[in-house]
C-alpha atoms as a PDB file:
ATOM      1  CA  MET A   1      80.258  72.031  80.766  1.00  0.00           C
ATOM      2  CA  LEU A   2      81.758  71.713  77.283  1.00  0.00           C
ATOM      3  CA  LEU A   3      83.674  74.876  76.406  1.00  0.00           C
ATOM      4  CA  LYS A   4      83.999  74.679  72.686  1.00  0.00           C
ATOM      5  CA  TRP A   5      84.994  78.349  72.074  1.00  0.00           C
ATOM      6  CA  ASP A   6      86.877  77.685  68.740  1.00  0.00           C
ATOM      7  CA  GLU A   7      83.855  75.707  67.315  1.00  0.00           C
ATOM      8  CA  ALA A   8      81.430  78.468  68.368  1.00  0.00           C
ATOM      9  CA  ILE A   9      83.565  81.133  66.768  1.00  0.00           C
ATOM     10  CA  ILE A  10      83.654  79.132  63.548  1.00  0.00           C
ATOM     11  CA  ALA A  11      79.903  78.551  63.611  1.00  0.00           C
ATOM     12  CA  TYR A  12      79.225  82.302  64.236  1.00  0.00           C
ATOM     13  CA  MET A  13      81.510  83.365  61.419  1.00  0.00           C
ATOM     14  CA  GLN A  14      79.735  80.838  58.988  1.00  0.00           C
ATOM     15  CA  TYR A  15      76.384  82.140  60.109  1.00  0.00           C
ATOM     16  CA  GLY A  16      77.513  85.746  59.396  1.00  0.00           C
ATOM     17  CA  GLU A  17      78.734  84.666  55.925  1.00  0.00           C
ATOM     18  CA  PHE A  18      75.306  83.035  55.402  1.00  0.00           C
ATOM     19  CA  LEU A  19      73.468  86.240  56.322  1.00  0.00           C
ATOM     20  CA  GLY A  20      75.659  88.363  54.084  1.00  0.00           C
ATOM     21  CA  LYS A  21      76.133  92.143  54.364  1.00  0.00           C
ATOM     22  CA  GLU A  22      72.436  92.879  54.002  1.00  0.00           C
ATOM     23  CA  GLU A  23      71.591  91.756  57.565  1.00  0.00           C
ATOM     24  CA  PRO A  24      72.997  93.485  60.642  1.00  0.00           C
ATOM     25  CA  ILE A  25      75.887  91.351  62.032  1.00  0.00           C
ATOM     26  CA  ASP A  26      76.573  93.401  65.156  1.00  0.00           C
ATOM     27  CA  ASP A  27      75.195  90.538  67.294  1.00  0.00           C
ATOM     28  CA  ILE A  28      77.486  87.999  65.614  1.00  0.00           C
ATOM     29  CA  THR A  29      80.467  90.265  66.066  1.00  0.00           C
ATOM     30  CA  ARG A  30      79.572  90.610  69.728  1.00  0.00           C
ATOM     31  CA  ARG A  31      79.188  86.861  70.108  1.00  0.00           C
ATOM     32  CA  VAL A  32      82.470  86.144  68.471  1.00  0.00           C
ATOM     33  CA  ALA A  33      84.124  88.636  70.896  1.00  0.00           C
ATOM     34  CA  GLU A  34      82.385  86.899  73.867  1.00  0.00           C
ATOM     35  CA  CYS A  35      83.766  83.573  72.684  1.00  0.00           C
ATOM     36  CA  LYS A  36      87.292  85.025  72.365  1.00  0.00           C
ATOM     37  CA  ASN A  37      86.945  86.451  75.887  1.00  0.00           C
ATOM     38  CA  GLY A  38      85.738  83.043  77.192  1.00  0.00           C
ATOM     39  CA  LEU A  39      88.700  81.344  75.503  1.00  0.00           C
ATOM     40  CA  GLU A  40      91.110  83.657  77.306  1.00  0.00           C
ATOM     41  CA  LEU A  41      89.381  83.625  80.721  1.00  0.00           C
ATOM     42  CA  THR A  42      89.264  79.806  80.882  1.00  0.00           C
ATOM     43  CA  LYS A  43      93.007  79.568  80.381  1.00  0.00           C
ATOM     44  CA  ASN A  44      93.476  81.044  83.833  1.00  0.00           C
ATOM     45  CA  PRO A  45      90.403  80.258  85.992  1.00  0.00           C
ATOM     46  CA  ILE A  46      89.982  81.891  89.407  1.00  0.00           C
ATOM     47  CA  LYS A  47      88.000  80.680  92.430  1.00  0.00           C
ATOM     48  CA  VAL A  48      84.982  82.840  93.355  1.00  0.00           C
ATOM     49  CA  LYS A  49      82.698  82.507  96.286  1.00  0.00           C
ATOM     50  CA  ILE A  50      79.008  83.333  95.716  1.00  0.00           C
ATOM     51  CA  GLU A  51      77.491  84.428  98.996  1.00  0.00           C
ATOM     52  CA  ASN A  52      73.983  85.582  99.976  1.00  0.00           C
ATOM     53  CA  LEU A  53      74.461  88.990 101.605  1.00  0.00           C
ATOM     54  CA  GLY A  54      71.326  88.650 103.772  1.00  0.00           C
ATOM     55  CA  LEU A  55      68.183  90.698 103.978  1.00  0.00           C
ATOM     56  CA  ALA A  56      70.041  94.025 103.859  1.00  0.00           C
ATOM     57  CA  ILE A  57      70.703  93.287 100.139  1.00  0.00           C
ATOM     58  CA  ASN A  58      69.071  90.035  98.880  1.00  0.00           C
ATOM     59  CA  THR A  59      65.358  89.467  98.675  1.00  0.00           C
ATOM     60  CA  LYS A  60      63.234  86.397  97.800  1.00  0.00           C
ATOM     61  CA  ASN A  61      63.318  87.672  94.113  1.00  0.00           C
ATOM     62  CA  PRO A  62      65.803  86.504  91.499  1.00  0.00           C
ATOM     63  CA  GLU A  63      68.963  88.624  91.667  1.00  0.00           C
ATOM     64  CA  TYR A  64      71.952  88.191  89.473  1.00  0.00           C
ATOM     65  CA  ASN A  65      74.971  89.731  87.704  1.00  0.00           C
ATOM     66  CA  PRO A  66      76.629  91.314  90.704  1.00  0.00           C
ATOM     67  CA  LEU A  67      79.452  93.703  90.078  1.00  0.00           C
ATOM     68  CA  ILE A  68      81.706  95.014  92.671  1.00  0.00           C
ATOM     69  CA  THR A  69      83.974  98.091  91.987  1.00  0.00           C
ATOM     70  CA  ALA A  70      87.738  97.539  92.223  1.00  0.00           C
ATOM     71  CA  ASP A  71      87.913  99.399  95.445  1.00  0.00           C
ATOM     72  CA  GLU A  72      84.963  97.290  96.811  1.00  0.00           C
ATOM     73  CA  ALA A  73      83.122 100.473  97.676  1.00  0.00           C
ATOM     74  CA  GLU A  74      80.079  99.909  95.439  1.00  0.00           C
ATOM     75  CA  LEU A  75      77.965  96.922  94.536  1.00  0.00           C
ATOM     76  CA  PHE A  76      75.687  96.755  91.505  1.00  0.00           C
ATOM     77  CA  PHE A  77      73.279  93.991  90.680  1.00  0.00           C
ATOM     78  CA  THR A  78      70.168  93.314  88.626  1.00  0.00           C
ATOM     79  CA  SER A  79      66.880  92.021  90.009  1.00  0.00           C
ATOM     80  CA  ARG A  80      63.530  90.800  88.681  1.00  0.00           C
ATOM     81  CA  GLY A  81      61.815  91.941  91.897  1.00  0.00           C
ATOM     82  CA  PRO A  82      59.253  94.646  92.311  1.00  0.00           C
ATOM     83  CA  ALA A  83      59.958  98.154  90.915  1.00  0.00           C
ATOM     84  CA  VAL A  84      60.069  99.663  94.445  1.00  0.00           C
ATOM     85  CA  ARG A  85      62.209  98.477  97.305  1.00  0.00           C
ATOM     86  CA  ALA A  86      62.406  99.836 100.771  1.00  0.00           C
ATOM     87  CA  THR A  87      65.818 101.361 100.117  1.00  0.00           C
ATOM     88  CA  LYS A  88      64.729 102.875  96.712  1.00  0.00           C
ATOM     89  CA  GLN A  89      68.084 102.442  95.069  1.00  0.00           C
ATOM     90  CA  ILE A  90      66.771 101.858  91.506  1.00  0.00           C
ATOM     91  CA  LEU A  91      69.162 103.321  88.904  1.00  0.00           C
ATOM     92  CA  LYS A  92      67.524 102.337  85.729  1.00  0.00           C
ATOM     93  CA  ILE A  93      64.839  99.998  84.452  1.00  0.00           C
ATOM     94  CA  LEU A  94      66.069  97.678  81.694  1.00  0.00           C
ATOM     95  CA  SER A  95      63.373  95.535  80.177  1.00  0.00           C
ATOM     96  CA  THR A  96      61.850  93.488  83.017  1.00  0.00           C
ATOM     97  CA  SER A  97      65.101  93.759  85.104  1.00  0.00           C
ATOM     98  CA  LYS A  98      66.127  96.574  87.283  1.00  0.00           C
ATOM     99  CA  ILE A  99      69.654  97.612  88.334  1.00  0.00           C
ATOM    100  CA  PHE A 100      70.046  98.253  92.063  1.00  0.00           C
ATOM    101  CA  ILE A 101      72.825 100.172  93.868  1.00  0.00           C
ATOM    102  CA  PRO A 102      72.626  99.362  97.615  1.00  0.00           C
ATOM    103  CA  VAL A 103      73.979 102.085  99.840  1.00  0.00           C
ATOM    104  CA  LYS A 104      74.825 102.197 103.508  1.00  0.00           C
ATOM    105  CA  GLU A 105      72.306 104.284 105.623  1.00  0.00           C
END
């Protein structure tokens, strides 16, 4: 994977200049910030382990963007599965994805 953060930042800035002030540039500002974050994060990479948590959490549907709280007490993730799950832990529907908060029963 080629990580050309500096080149991406320059390209986004040039595109923003091309659009001028008449067009909303919030997306460009966000993308530049993402590139700067990527630049910093890739300076000190960390090892992560992606692990299927089994049928208590994972389903046959696409699930992604897991987030564990710092105290490891809560897990949040998005899913493109059905709107209703057996545990009914739906927090909010965002577009076609749902955010789930699994809880111990």
